[in-house]
Every structure is written in structure tokens, then in C-alpha cells.
Amino acid sequence: MPHSANQLRIIGGRWRGSRIVFPPLAAIRPSPDRVRETLFNWLQQPIVGARCLDLFAGSGALGLEALSRGAAHVTFVDREPQVGRHLKQTLERLGGRDASVVVEDAQRFLLHPAQSFDVVFLDPPFDSAVLEQVASRLQQGWLAPGAYIYVEFPAERSLSTLPAQWTVHRTKHAGQVGYHLLRASDPANEVPP
């Protein structure tokens, strides 16, 4: 299959080498192969058996890679109905049953009763200003103690706007992209102010 702009491949796990063709929408910007490879090297142990949230799913690259590598369940959230259809069809084709697809705005999704996730992928559109609000809402019961939060945004942006309870576990840059794996503190270990 010739490579096209709206196509990616799964790098590792049971679906390794599978090609995913996603809708040609301008807002979809999948994480580059080498970024995903590094991220999942970082998450090699924690991803197995993890409950994951892919909050700005887009192409589905991060959530699909997580499922391929042994995640117990992935919830894909994206506001575009076309993306929702693509993700459902892709999961059906791959036989990915441990997943759910929610077509809803990320901020609205986080107004629902909180579910606890072990790994959260945050890769919003680069021109979006929602990251800080979404991060703040995630703090309200959505993160399991010690959860991993992956954040991808323009390299020049600072991590200082994210919750103070998130500590940097790993961080790297690839060209104009900054990608960071953070860790949520365990509320049981926090000292009240």
C-alpha cells in the first residue's frame, strides 16, 4: 500500500505493521512514528493491563498502539463524527474489542461522572487552548493514583501551565514537537495545604 498523508502504521505489539487509514481532516496530526516508538518504550511495563483514555483521539494512533501492546481497555474520545466512524471501523477490522469510542468534545466528556484511568493521552490540536482546562478537569477523579499522562504540544510551550501534582517522568523534543510523560501524584500521599 503506498504511503499517503492520512495513513500510519502500528509500530509494536499484536497488530505490529498494520496500516491505519484515517479521515483526511486538517485537525488530525498523528504522533510521528519515532515519537510513538519512544513513548511506548517509556510505557513498556505500565501499558500492560492499563485502562487508557485517548482524549483527542484523531487518527487513534496512540490508543491503537496501546491496545496492540496489551492495554486492558482504551476509551477513544473525539468530537468529530467522521473520526468516531473511522475508529469503530478500524477496531472492528483489527478485532479490538477492549475499547469504546465516544464522539464528544473532550471538555464535555470530562463533565460526566469520573472513571479512573492508568494512562491518559493528551494530544490536542496544536492551535488549541484547551489543554490547561482539560488537565485541571482530569484532576477531579479521572486519574488513578500514580497514573501516567502523556502530553504532546509545540516544543516552545512550557509544562508549567499543567497541574503542579503532575511530575515530569520523561521528556523529549522531535523538531517542533515536545512530548512529555508525566506522573500524577497519589492523593493519599499528599500533604494538605
Protein backbone atom coordinates (compact mmCIF):
# COMPACT_ATOMS: atom_id res chain seq x y z
CA MET A 1 0.00 0.00 0.00
CA PRO A 2 1.59 3.32 -0.97
CA HIS A 3 2.17 5.78 1.84
CA SER A 4 -0.21 8.71 1.97
CA ALA A 5 -0.61 11.69 4.25
CA ASN A 6 -3.62 10.20 6.07
CA GLN A 7 -2.08 6.85 6.87
CA LEU A 8 0.04 5.42 9.68
CA ARG A 9 1.30 2.04 10.83
CA ILE A 10 1.18 0.42 14.24
CA ILE A 11 4.75 0.00 15.46
CA GLY A 12 4.61 -2.79 18.03
CA GLY A 13 2.55 -5.50 19.68
CA ARG A 14 -0.04 -7.86 18.24
CA TRP A 15 -1.03 -5.50 15.42
CA ARG A 16 2.55 -4.53 14.54
CA GLY A 17 2.86 -3.38 10.92
CA SER A 18 -0.93 -2.90 10.47
CA ARG A 19 -1.71 0.13 8.35
CA ILE A 20 -4.39 2.54 9.53
CA VAL A 21 -6.02 4.94 7.06
CA PHE A 22 -7.72 7.82 8.85
CA PRO A 23 -10.01 10.63 7.65
CA PRO A 24 -8.21 13.46 5.80
CA LEU A 25 -9.17 16.15 8.31
CA ALA A 26 -6.84 19.11 8.87
CA ALA A 27 -7.08 18.80 12.68
CA ILE A 28 -5.68 15.25 12.67
CA ARG A 29 -1.93 15.22 13.23
CA PRO A 30 -0.80 11.74 14.29
CA SER A 31 2.25 11.45 16.53
CA PRO A 32 5.24 10.62 14.31
CA ASP A 33 6.48 7.00 14.32
CA ARG A 34 9.65 7.77 16.23
CA VAL A 35 7.75 9.74 18.88
CA ARG A 36 5.31 6.85 19.36
CA GLU A 37 8.15 4.36 19.50
CA THR A 38 9.91 6.36 22.23
CA LEU A 39 6.68 6.87 24.18
CA PHE A 40 5.81 3.18 24.19
CA ASN A 41 9.36 2.26 25.17
CA TRP A 42 8.79 4.52 28.19
CA LEU A 43 5.43 2.85 28.85
CA GLN A 44 6.55 -0.72 28.13
CA GLN A 45 5.68 -2.07 31.61
CA PRO A 46 2.81 0.26 32.68
CA ILE A 47 0.80 -0.18 29.45
CA VAL A 48 0.19 -3.90 30.01
CA GLY A 49 -3.22 -4.28 31.63
CA ALA A 50 -3.75 -0.50 31.81
CA ARG A 51 -7.04 1.33 31.41
CA CYS A 52 -6.29 4.14 28.94
CA LEU A 53 -8.01 7.33 27.82
CA ASP A 54 -7.15 8.74 24.38
CA LEU A 55 -8.80 12.13 24.85
CA PHE A 56 -8.16 13.82 21.50
CA ALA A 57 -8.12 10.55 19.57
CA GLY A 58 -7.89 11.84 15.98
CA SER A 59 -6.21 9.08 13.96
CA GLY A 60 -6.34 6.79 17.00
CA ALA A 61 -2.58 6.19 16.74
CA LEU A 62 -1.86 6.35 20.49
CA GLY A 63 -4.84 4.34 21.69
CA LEU A 64 -4.46 1.70 18.97
CA GLU A 65 -0.77 1.34 19.78
CA ALA A 66 -1.69 0.94 23.48
CA LEU A 67 -4.22 -1.82 22.67
CA SER A 68 -1.73 -3.53 20.38
CA ARG A 69 0.79 -3.60 23.24
CA GLY A 70 -1.51 -5.08 25.87
CA ALA A 71 -3.66 -2.32 27.37
CA ALA A 72 -6.75 -3.78 29.07
CA HIS A 73 -9.09 -1.13 27.65
CA VAL A 74 -8.90 2.14 25.72
CA THR A 75 -11.60 4.82 25.65
CA PHE A 76 -11.23 6.92 22.49
CA VAL A 77 -12.79 10.40 22.63
CA ASP A 78 -13.04 12.76 19.67
CA ARG A 79 -15.63 15.38 18.76
CA GLU A 80 -15.67 14.57 15.01
CA PRO A 81 -18.33 12.00 13.97
CA GLN A 82 -16.15 11.06 10.97
CA VAL A 83 -13.31 10.19 13.37
CA GLY A 84 -15.69 8.14 15.53
CA ARG A 85 -16.78 6.09 12.50
CA HIS A 86 -13.15 5.58 11.44
CA LEU A 87 -12.16 4.37 14.91
CA LYS A 88 -15.09 1.94 15.18
CA GLN A 89 -14.34 0.51 11.71
CA THR A 90 -10.61 0.22 12.49
CA LEU A 91 -11.25 -1.54 15.81
CA GLU A 92 -13.68 -3.92 14.09
CA ARG A 93 -11.15 -4.71 11.36
CA LEU A 94 -8.38 -5.37 13.89
CA GLY A 95 -10.62 -7.31 16.27
CA GLY A 96 -10.11 -4.73 19.04
CA ARG A 97 -12.93 -5.49 21.45
CA ASP A 98 -11.43 -3.90 24.56
CA ALA A 99 -12.25 -0.36 23.51
CA SER A 100 -15.04 2.19 23.43
CA VAL A 101 -15.44 5.16 21.11
CA VAL A 102 -17.14 8.34 22.33
CA VAL A 103 -17.98 11.11 19.87
CA GLU A 104 -17.94 14.16 22.11
CA ASP A 105 -15.92 17.25 22.87
CA ALA A 106 -13.10 16.44 25.33
CA GLN A 107 -14.17 19.07 27.88
CA ARG A 108 -17.79 17.93 27.76
CA PHE A 109 -16.71 14.30 28.16
CA LEU A 110 -14.90 15.23 31.37
CA LEU A 111 -18.15 16.61 32.84
CA HIS A 112 -19.51 13.03 33.03
CA PRO A 113 -19.02 11.03 36.25
CA ALA A 114 -15.30 10.36 36.53
CA GLN A 115 -13.78 7.00 35.62
CA SER A 116 -10.29 6.13 36.79
CA PHE A 117 -7.58 5.72 34.12
CA ASP A 118 -3.99 4.44 34.45
CA VAL A 119 -2.71 6.13 31.29
CA VAL A 120 -4.11 9.27 29.61
CA PHE A 121 -3.02 10.51 26.18
CA LEU A 122 -3.38 14.28 25.64
CA ASP A 123 -2.53 15.32 22.11
CA PRO A 124 -4.89 18.22 21.33
CA PRO A 125 -4.70 20.25 18.11
CA PHE A 126 -1.57 22.43 18.36
CA ASP A 127 -3.55 25.66 17.88
CA SER A 128 -5.96 24.73 20.69
CA ALA A 129 -6.05 26.40 24.09
CA VAL A 130 -7.94 23.61 25.90
CA LEU A 131 -5.02 21.67 27.37
CA GLU A 132 -4.93 23.51 30.70
CA GLN A 133 -8.71 23.24 31.27
CA VAL A 134 -8.69 19.55 30.35
CA ALA A 135 -5.70 18.88 32.63
CA SER A 136 -7.50 20.60 35.51
CA ARG A 137 -10.65 18.51 34.96
CA LEU A 138 -8.64 15.28 34.83
CA GLN A 139 -7.54 16.05 38.39
CA GLN A 140 -11.16 15.57 39.52
CA GLY A 141 -11.16 11.78 39.83
CA TRP A 142 -10.13 10.72 36.33
CA LEU A 143 -6.58 9.67 37.22
CA ALA A 144 -5.69 6.50 39.09
CA PRO A 145 -3.03 7.02 41.80
CA GLY A 146 0.32 7.30 40.03
CA ALA A 147 -1.32 7.50 36.58
CA TYR A 148 0.82 8.34 33.56
CA ILE A 149 -0.21 11.34 31.46
CA TYR A 150 1.29 11.76 28.00
CA VAL A 151 1.25 15.33 26.65
CA GLU A 152 2.27 16.38 23.15
CA PHE A 153 2.37 20.02 22.09
CA PRO A 154 4.59 22.58 20.32
CA ALA A 155 8.19 22.37 21.56
CA GLU A 156 8.27 26.03 22.65
CA ARG A 157 5.33 25.61 25.09
CA SER A 158 6.06 25.28 28.79
CA LEU A 159 4.90 22.45 31.03
CA SER A 160 4.48 24.96 33.87
CA THR A 161 0.80 25.54 33.00
CA LEU A 162 -0.08 21.92 33.82
CA PRO A 163 -1.17 20.81 37.32
CA ALA A 164 1.53 21.00 39.98
CA GLN A 165 0.58 17.46 41.06
CA TRP A 166 1.95 16.12 37.77
CA THR A 167 5.69 15.44 37.82
CA VAL A 168 7.81 15.01 34.72
CA HIS A 169 8.76 11.37 34.28
CA ARG A 170 10.35 11.65 30.80
CA THR A 171 10.58 14.47 28.27
CA LYS A 172 11.91 14.87 24.73
CA HIS A 173 11.66 17.01 21.59
CA ALA A 174 11.48 15.98 17.95
CA GLY A 175 11.66 19.00 15.65
CA GLN A 176 8.77 21.32 16.53
CA VAL A 177 7.11 18.75 18.80
CA GLY A 178 7.60 18.49 22.56
CA TYR A 179 6.46 15.21 24.04
CA HIS A 180 6.32 14.51 27.73
CA LEU A 181 5.36 11.65 30.01
CA LEU A 182 4.14 12.91 33.36
CA ARG A 183 3.08 11.11 36.51
CA ALA A 184 0.12 12.03 38.70
CA SER A 185 0.84 12.05 42.40
CA ASP A 186 -1.07 9.71 44.67
CA PRO A 187 -3.59 11.89 46.58
CA ALA A 188 -3.16 9.62 49.62
CA ASN A 189 0.47 10.77 49.86
CA GLU A 190 -0.27 14.49 49.52
CA VAL A 191 0.05 16.80 52.48
CA PRO A 192 -2.97 19.12 52.82
CA PRO A 193 -2.20 22.86 52.48
